[in-house]
Amino acid sequence: MMKRYLPIMFLIICLSVSCHSKGNHLILGDGGEKTHDAKLQNISKDNGIQANREKELLLQMKIPNQNPLSISVDKIPIINSYLEPFKDKKSELNRMRINYLFTNNQKEYILLNYSCGTKLCNQLLLEHKDGEWQSLQISESSFLQFSKQNGEIAAFLFGRNEGSEVLRNQVVIVNLKKFEEIPPPENLKILSSFEYPISMIEWNDDTLIAKVANIDDTSFTNVKEWNKKTFKQLEWKVY
């Protein structure tokens, strides 16, 4: 009796094993597709991060006794806006000059020259602390001669070349705590006018001493012929 049903039972067992195998294959197939999709998503994400890094515009500079500092242009709105019209932003970025000035109260102060023409550049003072940036436009000049600190106050002497024979100067004073420029009093506006040669600035307590060319006529010819030994001293008391 049993012998008669053996072929049928064998057929049922074979069909059952075949279905179970297909089911397992389908489950493994779904898992493989999910794994493959995840890998594609990760690759796409990595490529996106890499593309963003390549698009990010960075200024690089060295600071004494510290690791090099990378400055994202996105952190400096005035530079970000300036670069907007340029097709080749990186080339224009490479034309900029950036110089570390000093550190005060754990804040780094940096001077950035941008929008440079034949003779003049815009001078942008940057303040940095813990990844936060502030910027202050302080001059349009050929170069910075030097800066002098006095606690929370800093004085800058900028120069403008007129050919190779005439140099005129400008004094800028910045309150570092408020991060704002301090305008000169009416009787000292010549210090910020780029009319006169100024050979020296120095702090004496809260007063800035400026050594200014002792001339009345500031025409190109007169400044060119001026005897550099004749100076007058101006005093700017900063409150």
Protein backbone atom coordinates (compact mmCIF):
# COMPACT_ATOMS: atom_id res chain seq x y z
CA MET A 1 0.00 0.00 0.00
CA MET A 2 2.77 2.40 1.04
CA LYS A 3 4.84 1.55 -2.03
CA ARG A 4 2.01 2.80 -4.21
CA TYR A 5 2.15 6.34 -2.63
CA LEU A 6 5.95 6.65 -2.41
CA PRO A 7 6.32 8.40 -5.82
CA ILE A 8 3.64 10.95 -4.89
CA MET A 9 5.23 11.66 -1.47
CA PHE A 10 8.64 12.06 -3.10
CA LEU A 11 7.17 14.56 -5.58
CA ILE A 12 5.56 16.61 -2.75
CA ILE A 13 8.88 16.74 -0.82
CA CYS A 14 10.77 17.91 -3.92
CA LEU A 15 8.23 20.63 -4.61
CA SER A 16 8.38 21.81 -0.98
CA VAL A 17 12.21 22.01 -0.99
CA SER A 18 12.16 23.87 -4.30
CA CYS A 19 9.69 26.49 -3.02
CA HIS A 20 11.66 26.96 0.20
CA SER A 21 14.85 27.46 -1.79
CA LYS A 22 13.18 30.07 -4.05
CA GLY A 23 11.79 31.86 -1.02
CA ASN A 24 15.23 32.03 0.53
CA HIS A 25 16.66 33.25 -2.75
CA LEU A 26 14.06 36.02 -2.96
CA ILE A 27 14.74 37.17 0.59
CA LEU A 28 18.48 37.21 -0.06
CA GLY A 29 17.83 39.07 -3.29
CA ASP A 30 15.89 41.84 -1.48
CA GLY A 31 18.65 42.17 1.12
CA GLY A 32 21.28 42.44 -1.62
CA GLU A 33 19.29 45.15 -3.40
CA LYS A 34 18.96 47.12 -0.16
CA THR A 35 22.68 46.80 0.52
CA HIS A 36 23.48 47.91 -3.02
CA ASP A 37 21.15 50.93 -2.71
CA ALA A 38 22.78 51.92 0.59
CA LYS A 39 26.24 51.76 -1.00
CA LEU A 40 25.08 53.98 -3.87
CA GLN A 41 23.63 56.49 -1.40
CA ASN A 42 26.89 56.59 0.57
CA ILE A 43 28.94 57.08 -2.61
CA SER A 44 26.59 59.87 -3.72
CA LYS A 45 26.84 61.52 -0.28
CA ASP A 46 30.64 61.30 -0.31
CA ASN A 47 30.76 62.79 -3.80
CA GLY A 48 28.49 65.63 -2.66
CA ILE A 49 30.73 66.42 0.31
CA GLN A 50 33.80 66.39 -1.94
CA ALA A 51 32.07 68.68 -4.47
CA ASN A 52 31.13 71.13 -1.71
CA ARG A 53 34.72 71.18 -0.48
CA GLU A 54 35.96 71.93 -3.96
CA LYS A 55 33.41 74.75 -4.34
CA GLU A 56 34.28 76.27 -0.95
CA LEU A 57 36.61 79.23 -1.30
CA LEU A 58 39.34 79.39 1.31
CA LEU A 59 42.00 81.92 2.25
CA GLN A 60 45.09 80.35 3.78
CA MET A 61 47.51 82.06 6.14
CA LYS A 62 50.21 81.31 8.70
CA ILE A 63 50.07 82.52 12.30
CA PRO A 64 53.21 82.45 14.46
CA ASN A 65 53.40 79.42 16.79
CA GLN A 66 50.05 78.08 15.55
CA ASN A 67 48.72 75.79 12.87
CA PRO A 68 47.94 77.45 9.50
CA LEU A 69 44.55 79.13 9.47
CA SER A 70 41.95 78.49 6.76
CA ILE A 71 39.36 81.22 6.30
CA SER A 72 36.13 80.37 4.47
CA VAL A 73 35.01 83.29 2.31
CA ASP A 74 31.44 82.56 3.44
CA LYS A 75 32.48 83.84 6.88
CA ILE A 76 33.38 87.27 5.45
CA PRO A 77 30.27 88.74 3.75
CA ILE A 78 32.07 91.73 2.18
CA ILE A 79 34.52 89.42 0.38
CA ASN A 80 31.80 86.95 -0.52
CA SER A 81 29.81 89.78 -2.16
CA TYR A 82 32.92 91.15 -3.87
CA LEU A 83 33.66 87.76 -5.49
CA GLU A 84 30.08 87.22 -6.67
CA PRO A 85 30.46 88.77 -10.19
CA PHE A 86 33.71 86.90 -10.96
CA LYS A 87 33.49 83.78 -13.11
CA ASP A 88 36.91 82.59 -11.94
CA LYS A 89 36.57 83.28 -8.23
CA LYS A 90 39.62 81.25 -7.25
CA SER A 91 41.90 83.31 -9.48
CA GLU A 92 40.66 86.54 -7.95
CA LEU A 93 41.00 85.03 -4.48
CA ASN A 94 44.63 84.18 -5.28
CA ARG A 95 45.29 87.85 -6.08
CA MET A 96 44.40 88.86 -2.53
CA ARG A 97 47.12 89.33 0.09
CA ILE A 98 46.57 88.41 3.71
CA ASN A 99 48.86 89.24 6.63
CA TYR A 100 48.73 88.42 10.32
CA LEU A 101 49.11 91.58 12.44
CA PHE A 102 48.85 90.74 16.15
CA THR A 103 46.83 88.97 18.85
CA ASN A 104 44.94 90.88 21.54
CA ASN A 105 42.70 89.35 24.24
CA GLN A 106 42.82 85.95 22.49
CA LYS A 107 41.61 87.55 19.26
CA GLU A 108 43.69 87.44 16.10
CA TYR A 109 43.86 90.53 13.90
CA ILE A 110 44.59 90.12 10.21
CA LEU A 111 44.82 92.55 7.29
CA LEU A 112 43.36 91.47 3.96
CA ASN A 113 44.18 93.36 0.74
CA TYR A 114 41.61 92.91 -2.02
CA SER A 115 40.32 94.64 -5.16
CA CYS A 116 43.88 95.70 -5.98
CA GLY A 117 44.38 97.97 -8.96
CA THR A 118 47.64 99.33 -10.34
CA LYS A 119 48.44 101.30 -7.15
CA LEU A 120 45.74 100.86 -4.54
CA CYS A 121 44.08 98.02 -2.62
CA ASN A 122 41.12 97.95 -0.28
CA GLN A 123 42.40 97.21 3.23
CA LEU A 124 40.09 95.02 5.30
CA LEU A 125 40.80 94.45 8.98
CA LEU A 126 39.67 91.00 10.18
CA GLU A 127 39.07 89.90 13.75
CA HIS A 128 39.00 86.17 14.57
CA LYS A 129 38.16 84.20 17.68
CA ASP A 130 36.91 80.60 17.99
CA GLY A 131 35.81 80.40 14.36
CA GLU A 132 33.88 83.69 14.47
CA TRP A 133 34.89 86.54 12.16
CA GLN A 134 34.33 90.29 11.96
CA SER A 135 35.52 92.64 9.23
CA LEU A 136 36.11 96.39 9.05
CA GLN A 137 37.05 98.36 5.94
CA ILE A 138 39.72 100.81 7.10
CA SER A 139 41.63 102.15 4.09
CA GLU A 140 42.26 102.27 0.36
CA SER A 141 46.01 102.44 0.02
CA SER A 142 49.16 101.02 -1.53
CA PHE A 143 50.41 99.33 1.63
CA LEU A 144 50.47 99.28 5.43
CA GLN A 145 53.71 100.75 6.79
CA PHE A 146 53.17 99.56 10.36
CA SER A 147 50.69 99.33 13.23
CA LYS A 148 51.01 100.38 16.87
CA GLN A 149 48.96 98.91 19.71
CA ASN A 150 47.99 100.64 22.93
CA GLY A 151 45.84 98.23 24.96
CA GLU A 152 42.43 98.06 23.28
CA ILE A 153 43.37 100.74 20.74
CA ALA A 154 45.40 100.17 17.56
CA ALA A 155 46.82 102.80 15.20
CA PHE A 156 47.71 102.04 11.58
CA LEU A 157 49.89 104.04 9.20
CA PHE A 158 49.01 103.47 5.54
CA GLY A 159 50.87 104.77 2.50
CA ARG A 160 49.99 105.80 -1.04
CA ASN A 161 52.67 105.96 -3.69
CA GLU A 162 52.58 108.61 -6.41
CA GLY A 163 55.16 107.36 -8.84
CA SER A 164 58.47 106.47 -7.23
CA GLU A 165 59.16 109.89 -5.69
CA VAL A 166 56.13 110.92 -3.64
CA LEU A 167 54.59 109.10 -0.69
CA ARG A 168 51.53 110.33 1.21
CA ASN A 169 50.17 108.77 4.38
CA GLN A 170 47.03 108.15 6.39
CA VAL A 171 46.56 107.37 10.07
CA VAL A 172 43.66 105.12 11.11
CA ILE A 173 42.80 104.39 14.75
CA VAL A 174 40.55 101.45 15.68
CA ASN A 175 38.90 100.64 18.99
CA LEU A 176 39.49 96.88 19.14
CA LYS A 177 36.99 96.27 21.94
CA LYS A 178 34.15 97.84 19.93
CA PHE A 179 35.80 96.91 16.63
CA GLU A 180 35.09 100.30 15.10
CA GLU A 181 37.14 103.15 13.65
CA ILE A 182 37.70 106.26 15.74
CA PRO A 183 37.44 109.41 13.57
CA PRO A 184 40.00 112.19 14.11
CA PRO A 185 38.94 115.54 15.62
CA GLU A 186 38.41 118.44 13.21
CA ASN A 187 41.85 119.95 13.77
CA LEU A 188 43.58 116.63 12.99
CA LYS A 189 41.70 115.54 9.87
CA ILE A 190 44.90 115.98 7.84
CA LEU A 191 46.14 112.78 9.49
CA SER A 192 43.52 110.73 7.68
CA SER A 193 43.49 112.71 4.41
CA PHE A 194 46.41 111.18 2.44
CA GLU A 195 47.66 114.73 1.82
CA TYR A 196 50.87 114.76 3.85
CA PRO A 197 53.86 112.49 4.25
CA ILE A 198 53.87 111.06 7.80
CA SER A 199 57.13 109.43 8.82
CA MET A 200 56.24 108.07 12.26
CA ILE A 201 53.45 107.37 14.74
CA GLU A 202 54.02 106.46 18.38
CA TRP A 203 51.89 106.12 21.52
CA ASN A 204 52.55 108.18 24.63
CA ASP A 205 49.97 106.91 27.15
CA ASP A 206 46.59 107.64 25.51
CA THR A 207 48.00 110.15 23.01
CA LEU A 208 49.19 109.25 19.51
CA ILE A 209 52.19 111.27 18.36
CA ALA A 210 52.45 111.73 14.58
CA LYS A 211 55.48 113.17 12.79
CA VAL A 212 54.09 115.06 9.78
CA ALA A 213 55.79 116.93 6.93
CA ASN A 214 56.03 120.62 7.83
CA ILE A 215 54.65 122.06 4.58
CA ASP A 216 51.64 124.18 3.62
CA ASP A 217 51.51 123.35 -0.08
CA THR A 218 50.81 119.66 -0.64
CA SER A 219 51.00 119.69 -4.43
CA PHE A 220 52.95 116.87 -6.10
CA THR A 221 55.84 119.19 -7.00
CA ASN A 222 56.13 120.68 -3.53
CA VAL A 223 55.98 117.30 -1.77
CA LYS A 224 58.58 115.98 -4.22
CA GLU A 225 60.93 118.88 -3.41
CA TRP A 226 60.22 118.88 0.33
CA ASN A 227 63.20 118.52 2.64
CA LYS A 228 62.50 115.37 4.65
CA LYS A 229 64.21 116.85 7.71
CA THR A 230 61.47 119.42 8.35
CA PHE A 231 58.60 117.91 10.34
CA LYS A 232 55.96 119.05 12.75
CA GLN A 233 54.54 116.96 15.56
CA LEU A 234 50.79 116.45 15.94
CA GLU A 235 49.14 114.89 18.98
CA TRP A 236 45.88 112.93 18.88
CA LYS A 237 44.46 112.22 22.31
CA VAL A 238 42.19 109.17 22.23
CA TYR A 239 39.51 108.95 24.91
